[in-house]
Structure formats: C-alpha cells, structure tokens
C-alpha atoms as a PDB file:
ATOM      1  CA  MET A   1     -10.779   3.380  -3.729  1.00  0.00           C
ATOM      2  CA  SER A   2     -10.980  -0.218  -4.982  1.00  0.00           C
ATOM      3  CA  SER A   3      -7.853  -1.255  -3.021  1.00  0.00           C
ATOM      4  CA  THR A   4      -9.196   0.359   0.127  1.00  0.00           C
ATOM      5  CA  ARG A   5     -12.584  -1.206  -0.581  1.00  0.00           C
ATOM      6  CA  VAL A   6     -11.068  -4.707  -0.829  1.00  0.00           C
ATOM      7  CA  LEU A   7      -9.090  -4.158   2.368  1.00  0.00           C
ATOM      8  CA  ILE A   8     -12.115  -2.934   4.321  1.00  0.00           C
ATOM      9  CA  LEU A   9     -14.387  -5.704   3.076  1.00  0.00           C
ATOM     10  CA  GLY A  10     -11.658  -8.267   3.779  1.00  0.00           C
ATOM     11  CA  CYS A  11     -11.301  -7.037   7.352  1.00  0.00           C
ATOM     12  CA  LEU A  12     -15.003  -7.639   7.900  1.00  0.00           C
ATOM     13  CA  LEU A  13     -15.176 -11.176   6.461  1.00  0.00           C
ATOM     14  CA  ASP A  14     -14.817 -12.966   9.798  1.00  0.00           C
ATOM     15  CA  GLN A  15     -16.559 -10.648  12.231  1.00  0.00           C
ATOM     16  CA  PRO A  16     -18.248  -7.263  12.582  1.00  0.00           C
ATOM     17  CA  ARG A  17     -15.898  -4.390  13.382  1.00  0.00           C
ATOM     18  CA  ASN A  18     -15.961  -0.653  13.886  1.00  0.00           C
ATOM     19  CA  GLY A  19     -13.737   1.754  11.978  1.00  0.00           C
ATOM     20  CA  TYR A  20     -11.022   1.745  14.611  1.00  0.00           C
ATOM     21  CA  GLN A  21     -10.871  -2.060  14.621  1.00  0.00           C
ATOM     22  CA  VAL A  22     -10.601  -2.135  10.818  1.00  0.00           C
ATOM     23  CA  ARG A  23      -7.768   0.388  10.998  1.00  0.00           C
ATOM     24  CA  ARG A  24      -5.951  -1.630  13.669  1.00  0.00           C
ATOM     25  CA  GLN A  25      -6.212  -4.811  11.597  1.00  0.00           C
ATOM     26  CA  LEU A  26      -4.762  -2.995   8.578  1.00  0.00           C
ATOM     27  CA  GLU A  27      -1.956  -1.582  10.727  1.00  0.00           C
ATOM     28  CA  VAL A  28      -1.137  -5.068  12.018  1.00  0.00           C
ATOM     29  CA  MET A  29      -0.857  -6.229   8.407  1.00  0.00           C
ATOM     30  CA  GLY A  30       1.418  -3.268   7.599  1.00  0.00           C
ATOM     31  CA  ALA A  31      -0.946  -1.976   4.906  1.00  0.00           C
ATOM     32  CA  GLU A  32       0.456   1.541   5.240  1.00  0.00           C
ATOM     33  CA  GLN A  33       3.715   0.236   3.747  1.00  0.00           C
ATOM     34  CA  TRP A  34       2.305  -1.517   0.677  1.00  0.00           C
ATOM     35  CA  ALA A  35      -1.273  -0.425   0.048  1.00  0.00           C
ATOM     36  CA  ASN A  36      -1.154   3.360   0.229  1.00  0.00           C
ATOM     37  CA  VAL A  37      -4.219   3.411   2.486  1.00  0.00           C
ATOM     38  CA  ALA A  38      -5.236   6.753   3.883  1.00  0.00           C
ATOM     39  CA  PHE A  39      -6.566   5.646   7.248  1.00  0.00           C
ATOM     40  CA  GLY A  40      -9.059   8.534   7.267  1.00  0.00           C
ATOM     41  CA  SER A  41     -10.697   7.022   4.202  1.00  0.00           C
ATOM     42  CA  ILE A  42     -11.690   3.926   6.188  1.00  0.00           C
ATOM     43  CA  TYR A  43     -14.543   5.722   7.936  1.00  0.00           C
ATOM     44  CA  HIS A  44     -15.798   7.272   4.711  1.00  0.00           C
ATOM     45  CA  GLY A  45     -15.534   3.886   2.973  1.00  0.00           C
ATOM     46  CA  LEU A  46     -17.492   2.128   5.707  1.00  0.00           C
ATOM     47  CA  GLY A  47     -20.325   4.646   5.461  1.00  0.00           C
ATOM     48  CA  LYS A  48     -20.371   4.565   1.670  1.00  0.00           C
ATOM     49  CA  MET A  49     -20.405   0.776   1.490  1.00  0.00           C
ATOM     50  CA  ALA A  50     -23.206   0.667   4.061  1.00  0.00           C
ATOM     51  CA  GLU A  51     -25.217   3.017   1.813  1.00  0.00           C
ATOM     52  CA  GLU A  52     -24.522   0.677  -1.125  1.00  0.00           C
ATOM     53  CA  GLY A  53     -25.734  -2.361   0.817  1.00  0.00           C
ATOM     54  CA  LEU A  54     -22.305  -4.010   0.987  1.00  0.00           C
ATOM     55  CA  LEU A  55     -22.229  -3.550   4.753  1.00  0.00           C
ATOM     56  CA  GLU A  56     -24.900  -3.193   7.372  1.00  0.00           C
ATOM     57  CA  VAL A  57     -24.785  -1.333  10.641  1.00  0.00           C
ATOM     58  CA  VAL A  58     -25.320  -3.850  13.436  1.00  0.00           C
ATOM     59  CA  GLU A  59     -24.711  -1.477  16.319  1.00  0.00           C
ATOM     60  CA  SER A  60     -24.751   2.271  16.303  1.00  0.00           C
ATOM     61  CA  GLY A  61     -23.801   4.936  18.759  1.00  0.00           C
ATOM     62  CA  LYS A  62     -22.309   2.802  21.540  1.00  0.00           C
ATOM     63  CA  GLY A  63     -19.413   4.951  22.673  1.00  0.00           C
ATOM     64  CA  GLY A  64     -19.709   6.858  19.397  1.00  0.00           C
ATOM     65  CA  LYS A  65     -18.622   3.765  17.470  1.00  0.00           C
ATOM     66  CA  THR A  66     -20.600   2.156  14.699  1.00  0.00           C
ATOM     67  CA  LEU A  67     -20.214  -1.583  14.225  1.00  0.00           C
ATOM     68  CA  TYR A  68     -20.400  -2.838  10.629  1.00  0.00           C
ATOM     69  CA  GLU A  69     -21.020  -6.331   9.288  1.00  0.00           C
ATOM     70  CA  ILE A  70     -20.460  -7.484   5.722  1.00  0.00           C
ATOM     71  CA  THR A  71     -23.589  -8.466   3.786  1.00  0.00           C
ATOM     72  CA  GLU A  72     -23.888 -11.226   1.191  1.00  0.00           C
ATOM     73  CA  ALA A  73     -23.656  -8.521  -1.496  1.00  0.00           C
ATOM     74  CA  GLY A  74     -20.467  -7.301   0.223  1.00  0.00           C
ATOM     75  CA  ARG A  75     -18.998 -10.804   0.168  1.00  0.00           C
ATOM     76  CA  LEU A  76     -19.740 -11.088  -3.549  1.00  0.00           C
ATOM     77  CA  GLU A  77     -18.200  -7.660  -4.201  1.00  0.00           C
ATOM     78  CA  PHE A  78     -15.122  -8.595  -2.163  1.00  0.00           C
ATOM     79  CA  ARG A  79     -14.639 -11.786  -4.165  1.00  0.00           C
ATOM     80  CA  ARG A  80     -15.174  -9.979  -7.479  1.00  0.00           C
ATOM     81  CA  LEU A  81     -12.648  -7.256  -6.624  1.00  0.00           C
ATOM     82  CA  LEU A  82     -10.186  -9.738  -5.147  1.00  0.00           C
ATOM     83  CA  LEU A  83     -10.101 -11.850  -8.295  1.00  0.00           C
ATOM     84  CA  GLN A  84     -10.015  -8.744 -10.506  1.00  0.00           C
ATOM     85  CA  ASN A  85      -6.966  -7.464  -8.612  1.00  0.00           C
ATOM     86  CA  TRP A  86      -5.137 -10.760  -9.197  1.00  0.00           C
ATOM     87  CA  TYR A  87      -5.521 -10.359 -12.953  1.00  0.00           C
ATOM     88  CA  ASP A  88      -5.309  -6.573 -13.462  1.00  0.00           C
ATOM     89  CA  VAL A  89      -1.844  -5.246 -14.144  1.00  0.00           C
ATOM     90  CA  LYS A  90      -1.817  -1.507 -13.576  1.00  0.00           C
ATOM     91  CA  PRO A  91       1.052   0.936 -13.650  1.00  0.00           C
ATOM     92  CA  ILE A  92       2.427   2.000 -10.303  1.00  0.00           C
ATOM     93  CA  VAL A  93       2.274   5.776 -10.225  1.00  0.00           C
ATOM     94  CA  ASP A  94       5.520   7.094  -8.810  1.00  0.00           C
ATOM     95  CA  PRO A  95       6.245  10.845  -8.592  1.00  0.00           C
ATOM     96  CA  PHE A  96       9.893   9.990  -9.255  1.00  0.00           C
ATOM     97  CA  GLN A  97       9.022   9.076 -12.825  1.00  0.00           C
ATOM     98  CA  VAL A  98       7.497  12.523 -13.272  1.00  0.00           C
ATOM     99  CA  ALA A  99      10.729  14.071 -11.985  1.00  0.00           C
ATOM    100  CA  LEU A 100      12.766  11.760 -14.228  1.00  0.00           C
ATOM    101  CA  THR A 101      10.898  13.113 -17.245  1.00  0.00           C
ATOM    102  CA  PHE A 102      12.461  16.527 -16.614  1.00  0.00           C
ATOM    103  CA  MET A 103      15.935  15.481 -15.541  1.00  0.00           C
ATOM    104  CA  ASP A 104      17.329  17.538 -18.409  1.00  0.00           C
ATOM    105  CA  ARG A 105      16.332  20.654 -16.427  1.00  0.00           C
ATOM    106  CA  LEU A 106      18.840  19.803 -13.691  1.00  0.00           C
ATOM    107  CA  THR A 107      22.601  20.151 -13.698  1.00  0.00           C
ATOM    108  CA  LYS A 108      24.745  17.054 -13.834  1.00  0.00           C
ATOM    109  CA  GLN A 109      25.720  17.593 -10.179  1.00  0.00           C
ATOM    110  CA  GLU A 110      22.092  18.004  -9.087  1.00  0.00           C
ATOM    111  CA  ILE A 111      21.195  14.755 -10.832  1.00  0.00           C
ATOM    112  CA  LEU A 112      24.126  12.910  -9.255  1.00  0.00           C
ATOM    113  CA  ASP A 113      23.394  14.304  -5.781  1.00  0.00           C
ATOM    114  CA  SER A 114      19.732  13.378  -6.155  1.00  0.00           C
ATOM    115  CA  LEU A 115      20.528   9.873  -7.383  1.00  0.00           C
ATOM    116  CA  HIS A 116      22.969   9.275  -4.523  1.00  0.00           C
ATOM    117  CA  GLY A 117      20.354  10.516  -2.055  1.00  0.00           C
ATOM    118  CA  ARG A 118      17.737   8.253  -3.623  1.00  0.00           C
ATOM    119  CA  ILE A 119      20.121   5.283  -3.460  1.00  0.00           C
ATOM    120  CA  ARG A 120      20.646   5.893   0.275  1.00  0.00           C
ATOM    121  CA  GLN A 121      16.877   6.101   0.869  1.00  0.00           C
ATOM    122  CA  LEU A 122      16.194   2.977  -1.170  1.00  0.00           C
ATOM    123  CA  LYS A 123      18.817   1.004   0.770  1.00  0.00           C
ATOM    124  CA  MET A 124      17.345   2.165   4.097  1.00  0.00           C
ATOM    125  CA  SER A 125      13.811   1.306   2.971  1.00  0.00           C
ATOM    126  CA  ILE A 126      14.853  -2.157   1.815  1.00  0.00           C
ATOM    127  CA  GLU A 127      16.660  -2.789   5.094  1.00  0.00           C
ATOM    128  CA  ALA A 128      13.637  -1.646   7.131  1.00  0.00           C
ATOM    129  CA  LEU A 129      11.255  -3.841   5.152  1.00  0.00           C
ATOM    130  CA  GLU A 130      13.529  -6.873   5.390  1.00  0.00           C
ATOM    131  CA  SER A 131      13.749  -6.442   9.163  1.00  0.00           C
ATOM    132  CA  ALA A 132       9.941  -6.520   9.337  1.00  0.00           C
ATOM    133  CA  PHE A 133       9.659 -10.020   7.805  1.00  0.00           C
ATOM    134  CA  GLY A 134       7.949 -12.277  10.334  1.00  0.00           C
ATOM    135  CA  VAL A 135       7.330  -9.496  12.863  1.00  0.00           C
ATOM    136  CA  LYS A 136       3.685  -8.825  11.961  1.00  0.00           C
ATOM    137  CA  GLN A 137       2.716 -12.393  12.929  1.00  0.00           C
ATOM    138  CA  ARG A 138       3.445 -11.578  16.588  1.00  0.00           C
ATOM    139  CA  TYR A 139       0.547  -9.139  16.425  1.00  0.00           C
ATOM    140  CA  GLY A 140      -1.897 -11.451  14.694  1.00  0.00           C
ATOM    141  CA  ALA A 141      -1.196 -10.870  10.995  1.00  0.00           C
ATOM    142  CA  PRO A 142      -1.308 -13.962   8.793  1.00  0.00           C
ATOM    143  CA  ARG A 143       2.077 -15.273   7.608  1.00  0.00           C
ATOM    144  CA  HIS A 144       1.344 -14.548   3.933  1.00  0.00           C
ATOM    145  CA  VAL A 145       1.193 -10.785   4.649  1.00  0.00           C
ATOM    146  CA  ASP A 146       4.990 -10.900   4.451  1.00  0.00           C
ATOM    147  CA  GLU A 147       4.591 -11.472   0.704  1.00  0.00           C
ATOM    148  CA  ASN A 148       3.487  -7.833   0.413  1.00  0.00           C
ATOM    149  CA  LEU A 149       6.719  -6.808   2.119  1.00  0.00           C
ATOM    150  CA  ARG A 150       8.749  -9.087  -0.164  1.00  0.00           C
ATOM    151  CA  LEU A 151       7.084  -7.700  -3.286  1.00  0.00           C
ATOM    152  CA  THR A 152       7.657  -4.115  -2.131  1.00  0.00           C
ATOM    153  CA  THR A 153      11.278  -4.953  -1.283  1.00  0.00           C
ATOM    154  CA  ASP A 154      11.823  -6.450  -4.726  1.00  0.00           C
ATOM    155  CA  MET A 155      10.315  -3.384  -6.429  1.00  0.00           C
ATOM    156  CA  LEU A 156      12.587  -1.106  -4.397  1.00  0.00           C
ATOM    157  CA  ALA A 157      15.566  -3.335  -5.243  1.00  0.00           C
ATOM    158  CA  ALA A 158      14.754  -2.946  -8.944  1.00  0.00           C
ATOM    159  CA  GLN A 159      14.703   0.834  -8.511  1.00  0.00           C
ATOM    160  CA  LEU A 160      17.988   0.654  -6.615  1.00  0.00           C
ATOM    161  CA  ALA A 161      19.638  -1.336  -9.425  1.00  0.00           C
ATOM    162  CA  TRP A 162      18.353   1.192 -11.971  1.00  0.00           C
ATOM    163  CA  ALA A 163      19.603   4.167  -9.907  1.00  0.00           C
ATOM    164  CA  GLU A 164      23.076   2.674  -9.485  1.00  0.00           C
ATOM    165  CA  LYS A 165      23.332   2.155 -13.257  1.00  0.00           C
ATOM    166  CA  ALA A 166      21.965   5.644 -13.899  1.00  0.00           C
ATOM    167  CA  VAL A 167      24.775   7.178 -11.804  1.00  0.00           C
ATOM    168  CA  ILE A 168      27.322   5.535 -14.099  1.00  0.00           C
ATOM    169  CA  ARG A 169      25.474   6.785 -17.190  1.00  0.00           C
ATOM    170  CA  VAL A 170      25.213  10.346 -15.851  1.00  0.00           C
ATOM    171  CA  GLU A 171      28.913  10.355 -14.930  1.00  0.00           C
ATOM    172  CA  ALA A 172      29.727   9.170 -18.470  1.00  0.00           C
ATOM    173  CA  ASP A 173      27.508  11.971 -19.907  1.00  0.00           C
ATOM    174  CA  GLU A 174      25.118   9.397 -21.425  1.00  0.00           C
ATOM    175  CA  LEU A 175      22.213  10.885 -19.419  1.00  0.00           C
ATOM    176  CA  PRO A 176      20.293  13.081 -19.847  1.00  0.00           C
END
C-alpha cells in the first residue's frame, strides 16, 4: 500500500478532497497505467490514514462524501515515503517471469506463438503510451507526469527487445 499511500497523501497536499476527487486526480495523471492503483483501495486508504492521524475529516456526510485534509503528520509521512521511494530499488513483479520459469513445459510452437503474441501486445502498448505524451496536461496533470509514461515505455521496450531475441533463440533450439 505504500505506493497508494504516497499517491493519496500527495493528492491532498494542496487542498482537502473527497475520495472521488482523489481518484479523479490520479486518473488525470494516468496512475492506472504506471502505479497499479486499485481505485477501490483509495477509500479504504483514506479511512485508514485518518485513523492513523495522517489525515483528518474536515467535512462528513455532505452528499455521502467525506472530505479529508492532510495533517502535519501526514505531510511528514508523505515526505518520508517519497524520499524512500526515490532510493529503494525493488523488483517489478511480473507474472510473465513466472510463466517464463516453466517455458520448458510448453512446445516450441506454443512458445513461439506466445512470444509473437507478446511482441504484438508490447508494440501496441508502447504505441499507446507514446501517443499519450503531453495529453494529460490538457486535463490538469503536471508536465512531469509524462516521465512515468516514458519510464513505462522504456521498460516495455526492454521487454520487447528481449522477446525479439528470444524468438531467434527458440527457433535455433537454444531455448528452453
């Protein structure tokens, strides 16, 4: 939850918001593409952080919406987590790597078909992300949010390069 926690706290730095407003701000930034945020967890996170004293409820019940404001403790926690995330290098968990572990259980043709399918999907994903550069700013996202798209694009490009080389190795019976 630490990524979601940083995102929620960050959305509340400048003004109080309700859960829907936090979600909208994250959508404008494109967080669903690079942060793996389950939007349902926003509401749970808001309540939990209010219990922890990181947020305070400034308005409750108006139209069924609760308005949250970040506390000084929340600002300190945001800054701590933000800096920690700049320094922490953690593995990216990808189900593909689990599947790759057992590639020897597939036929050569299944591996090749799967790799070609993955290559097509990677190319489409890269193209979609590249077409989104600069678009989020029209909806109020800061310009630097595009760096998340660039980083994601570069990671997908690395996977694409690996997959294209893997096809050659499978065809040459070097894999698995």
